[in-house]
Amino acid sequence: MTPPELIAWNEANAEINDNEFIVAQCHLNMDALRLLEDVLDSMEYLASMNDKELYELRNKHIDRFNELFKEQGEQL
């Protein structure tokens, strides 16, 4: 390749890499938006619960965490 051809080839590859980067960034942004939507849905669900329901949900998750912690200790 001559220097002008090499320069043109490098520029074309740089443009392709830039486009690939932009596409990858768009996919990451879409994933982040989906995650945010899930978080907002969860917050809306929690906001609709009364204190007793929240307390029961909290205890359920604490119990599950304790079970997992115990299982991990047994596996060691």
Foldseek 3Di string as FASTA:
>chain_A
DDVVVVVVVVVVVVVVVVVVVVVVVVVVVVVVVVVVVVVVVVVVVVVPDDPVVVVVVVVVVVVVVVVVVVVVVVVD
